[in-house]
Amino acid sequence: MFAAENLRDWLGHNVIDCEGNKIGILEAVYVDTISDEPSFVTVKVGMISRHRLAFVPVVGATVSPNAVRVQYPKKVVHGAPAIDTDGELTATAEPEVFAYYNLDYGSRSERRLARR
């Protein structure tokens, strides 16, 4: 496993949890609006007719030839804030994503995440 440097290169690949369980497919990368560094990814999860995109922090993510490994268990990711597969993250929902993973959202008035 190697540190995940350019996650956009891994779109469409499997995402696995810290124990090697498949979570879903990497769908998008969300960057911090100040640093332009990857902050979260969305993972396509769910059943065939009920897919959604769950948010997962990229801190500590690594890559192998066939997958991106995140530092959170599958069960945690499946309970994470999510959007519809054709939806978008609203400004009012951003703090919920950070809070779910006990990450500091801060008090900036601007958006923290942008899809790249």
C-alpha atoms as a PDB file:
ATOM      1  CA  MET A   1       0.000   0.000   0.000  1.00  0.00           C
ATOM      2  CA  PHE A   2       1.129   3.500  -0.824  1.00  0.00           C
ATOM      3  CA  ALA A   3      -0.074   6.918   0.353  1.00  0.00           C
ATOM      4  CA  ALA A   4      -2.959   8.152  -1.778  1.00  0.00           C
ATOM      5  CA  GLU A   5      -1.505  11.066  -3.708  1.00  0.00           C
ATOM      6  CA  ASN A   6      -3.815  11.836  -6.632  1.00  0.00           C
ATOM      7  CA  LEU A   7      -7.160  10.316  -5.749  1.00  0.00           C
ATOM      8  CA  ARG A   8      -8.749  11.514  -8.991  1.00  0.00           C
ATOM      9  CA  ASP A   9      -6.708   8.819 -10.736  1.00  0.00           C
ATOM     10  CA  TRP A  10      -8.637   6.221  -8.715  1.00  0.00           C
ATOM     11  CA  LEU A  11     -12.187   7.200  -9.702  1.00  0.00           C
ATOM     12  CA  GLY A  12     -14.188   4.063 -10.489  1.00  0.00           C
ATOM     13  CA  HIS A  13     -11.944   1.801  -8.386  1.00  0.00           C
ATOM     14  CA  ASN A  14     -13.012  -0.148  -5.316  1.00  0.00           C
ATOM     15  CA  VAL A  15     -12.841   1.454  -1.891  1.00  0.00           C
ATOM     16  CA  ILE A  16     -12.047  -0.902   0.985  1.00  0.00           C
ATOM     17  CA  ASP A  17     -12.128  -0.362   4.707  1.00  0.00           C
ATOM     18  CA  CYS A  18      -9.354  -0.690   7.282  1.00  0.00           C
ATOM     19  CA  GLU A  19      -9.997  -4.460   7.462  1.00  0.00           C
ATOM     20  CA  GLY A  20     -10.028  -5.059   3.689  1.00  0.00           C
ATOM     21  CA  ASN A  21     -13.825  -5.229   3.271  1.00  0.00           C
ATOM     22  CA  LYS A  22     -15.195  -3.705   0.069  1.00  0.00           C
ATOM     23  CA  ILE A  23     -17.262  -0.601   0.810  1.00  0.00           C
ATOM     24  CA  GLY A  24     -18.128   0.511  -2.724  1.00  0.00           C
ATOM     25  CA  ILE A  25     -16.786   2.403  -5.745  1.00  0.00           C
ATOM     26  CA  LEU A  26     -14.893   5.729  -5.598  1.00  0.00           C
ATOM     27  CA  GLU A  27     -17.166   8.249  -7.282  1.00  0.00           C
ATOM     28  CA  ALA A  28     -15.773  11.748  -6.564  1.00  0.00           C
ATOM     29  CA  VAL A  29     -13.115  13.703  -4.709  1.00  0.00           C
ATOM     30  CA  TYR A  30     -13.947  16.736  -2.570  1.00  0.00           C
ATOM     31  CA  VAL A  31     -11.140  19.158  -1.814  1.00  0.00           C
ATOM     32  CA  ASP A  32     -10.655  21.707   0.938  1.00  0.00           C
ATOM     33  CA  THR A  33     -11.525  25.076  -0.605  1.00  0.00           C
ATOM     34  CA  ILE A  34      -8.483  26.804   0.923  1.00  0.00           C
ATOM     35  CA  SER A  35      -5.711  24.253   0.403  1.00  0.00           C
ATOM     36  CA  ASP A  36      -7.179  22.547  -2.700  1.00  0.00           C
ATOM     37  CA  GLU A  37      -6.050  19.260  -1.109  1.00  0.00           C
ATOM     38  CA  PRO A  38      -8.358  16.216  -1.056  1.00  0.00           C
ATOM     39  CA  SER A  39     -10.438  16.146   2.112  1.00  0.00           C
ATOM     40  CA  PHE A  40     -13.276  13.671   1.433  1.00  0.00           C
ATOM     41  CA  VAL A  41     -14.287  11.178  -1.227  1.00  0.00           C
ATOM     42  CA  THR A  42     -17.722   9.888  -2.046  1.00  0.00           C
ATOM     43  CA  VAL A  43     -18.222   6.156  -2.298  1.00  0.00           C
ATOM     44  CA  LYS A  44     -21.122   4.617  -4.208  1.00  0.00           C
ATOM     45  CA  VAL A  45     -22.848   2.325  -1.725  1.00  0.00           C
ATOM     46  CA  GLY A  46     -26.177   0.557  -1.451  1.00  0.00           C
ATOM     47  CA  MET A  47     -28.275  -1.896  -3.379  1.00  0.00           C
ATOM     48  CA  ILE A  48     -28.739  -1.936  -7.143  1.00  0.00           C
ATOM     49  CA  SER A  49     -31.865   0.217  -7.130  1.00  0.00           C
ATOM     50  CA  ARG A  50     -30.963   2.295  -4.037  1.00  0.00           C
ATOM     51  CA  HIS A  51     -27.431   3.614  -4.574  1.00  0.00           C
ATOM     52  CA  ARG A  52     -26.213   6.701  -2.744  1.00  0.00           C
ATOM     53  CA  LEU A  53     -22.881   8.470  -2.323  1.00  0.00           C
ATOM     54  CA  ALA A  54     -21.446   8.292   1.197  1.00  0.00           C
ATOM     55  CA  PHE A  55     -18.759  10.724   2.338  1.00  0.00           C
ATOM     56  CA  VAL A  56     -15.457   9.406   3.756  1.00  0.00           C
ATOM     57  CA  PRO A  57     -12.431  11.417   4.945  1.00  0.00           C
ATOM     58  CA  VAL A  58      -9.217  10.765   3.030  1.00  0.00           C
ATOM     59  CA  VAL A  59      -6.890  11.245   6.004  1.00  0.00           C
ATOM     60  CA  GLY A  60      -4.674   8.162   6.109  1.00  0.00           C
ATOM     61  CA  ALA A  61      -6.032   6.728   2.845  1.00  0.00           C
ATOM     62  CA  THR A  62      -3.688   4.438   0.935  1.00  0.00           C
ATOM     63  CA  VAL A  63      -3.824   2.820  -2.485  1.00  0.00           C
ATOM     64  CA  SER A  64      -3.003  -0.614  -3.861  1.00  0.00           C
ATOM     65  CA  PRO A  65      -3.103  -1.692  -7.503  1.00  0.00           C
ATOM     66  CA  ASN A  66      -6.863  -2.290  -7.367  1.00  0.00           C
ATOM     67  CA  ALA A  67      -8.340  -0.281  -4.498  1.00  0.00           C
ATOM     68  CA  VAL A  68      -8.268   2.731  -2.225  1.00  0.00           C
ATOM     69  CA  ARG A  69      -8.155   1.828   1.470  1.00  0.00           C
ATOM     70  CA  VAL A  70      -9.761   4.261   3.932  1.00  0.00           C
ATOM     71  CA  GLN A  71      -9.265   4.302   7.680  1.00  0.00           C
ATOM     72  CA  TYR A  72     -12.926   3.761   8.609  1.00  0.00           C
ATOM     73  CA  PRO A  73     -14.878   0.497   8.938  1.00  0.00           C
ATOM     74  CA  LYS A  74     -17.508  -0.330   6.330  1.00  0.00           C
ATOM     75  CA  LYS A  75     -20.293  -0.066   8.908  1.00  0.00           C
ATOM     76  CA  VAL A  76     -19.248   3.492   9.805  1.00  0.00           C
ATOM     77  CA  VAL A  77     -19.103   4.558   6.148  1.00  0.00           C
ATOM     78  CA  HIS A  78     -22.517   3.053   5.398  1.00  0.00           C
ATOM     79  CA  GLY A  79     -23.988   5.181   8.206  1.00  0.00           C
ATOM     80  CA  ALA A  80     -22.267   8.371   7.048  1.00  0.00           C
ATOM     81  CA  PRO A  81     -24.011  11.389   5.542  1.00  0.00           C
ATOM     82  CA  ALA A  82     -24.730  10.743   1.880  1.00  0.00           C
ATOM     83  CA  ILE A  83     -26.256  12.329  -1.198  1.00  0.00           C
ATOM     84  CA  ASP A  84     -28.208  10.876  -4.108  1.00  0.00           C
ATOM     85  CA  THR A  85     -26.097   9.654  -7.018  1.00  0.00           C
ATOM     86  CA  ASP A  86     -27.225  12.703  -9.006  1.00  0.00           C
ATOM     87  CA  GLY A  87     -27.274  15.023  -5.999  1.00  0.00           C
ATOM     88  CA  GLU A  88     -24.897  17.581  -4.615  1.00  0.00           C
ATOM     89  CA  LEU A  89     -23.666  18.451  -1.150  1.00  0.00           C
ATOM     90  CA  THR A  90     -25.450  21.546   0.128  1.00  0.00           C
ATOM     91  CA  ALA A  91     -23.728  24.202   2.216  1.00  0.00           C
ATOM     92  CA  THR A  92     -26.022  23.436   5.141  1.00  0.00           C
ATOM     93  CA  ALA A  93     -25.117  19.720   5.039  1.00  0.00           C
ATOM     94  CA  GLU A  94     -21.339  20.254   5.044  1.00  0.00           C
ATOM     95  CA  PRO A  95     -21.018  20.601   8.850  1.00  0.00           C
ATOM     96  CA  GLU A  96     -22.883  17.290   9.298  1.00  0.00           C
ATOM     97  CA  VAL A  97     -20.277  15.464   7.213  1.00  0.00           C
ATOM     98  CA  PHE A  98     -17.451  16.775   9.388  1.00  0.00           C
ATOM     99  CA  ALA A  99     -19.362  16.183  12.643  1.00  0.00           C
ATOM    100  CA  TYR A 100     -20.151  12.556  11.760  1.00  0.00           C
ATOM    101  CA  TYR A 101     -16.429  11.787  11.697  1.00  0.00           C
ATOM    102  CA  ASN A 102     -15.660  14.063  14.690  1.00  0.00           C
ATOM    103  CA  LEU A 103     -13.688  16.450  12.482  1.00  0.00           C
ATOM    104  CA  ASP A 104     -13.537  20.194  13.129  1.00  0.00           C
ATOM    105  CA  TYR A 105     -15.582  22.177  10.627  1.00  0.00           C
ATOM    106  CA  GLY A 106     -14.398  25.516  11.958  1.00  0.00           C
ATOM    107  CA  SER A 107     -16.291  28.776  11.853  1.00  0.00           C
ATOM    108  CA  ARG A 108     -15.515  30.058   8.355  1.00  0.00           C
ATOM    109  CA  SER A 109     -18.481  31.533   6.539  1.00  0.00           C
ATOM    110  CA  GLU A 110     -17.310  30.113   3.185  1.00  0.00           C
ATOM    111  CA  ARG A 111     -17.858  26.560   1.990  1.00  0.00           C
ATOM    112  CA  ARG A 112     -15.212  24.059   3.096  1.00  0.00           C
ATOM    113  CA  LEU A 113     -15.632  21.450   0.350  1.00  0.00           C
ATOM    114  CA  ALA A 114     -15.649  21.576  -3.436  1.00  0.00           C
ATOM    115  CA  ARG A 115     -16.066  18.652  -5.803  1.00  0.00           C
ATOM    116  CA  ARG A 116     -13.159  18.246  -8.237  1.00  0.00           C
END
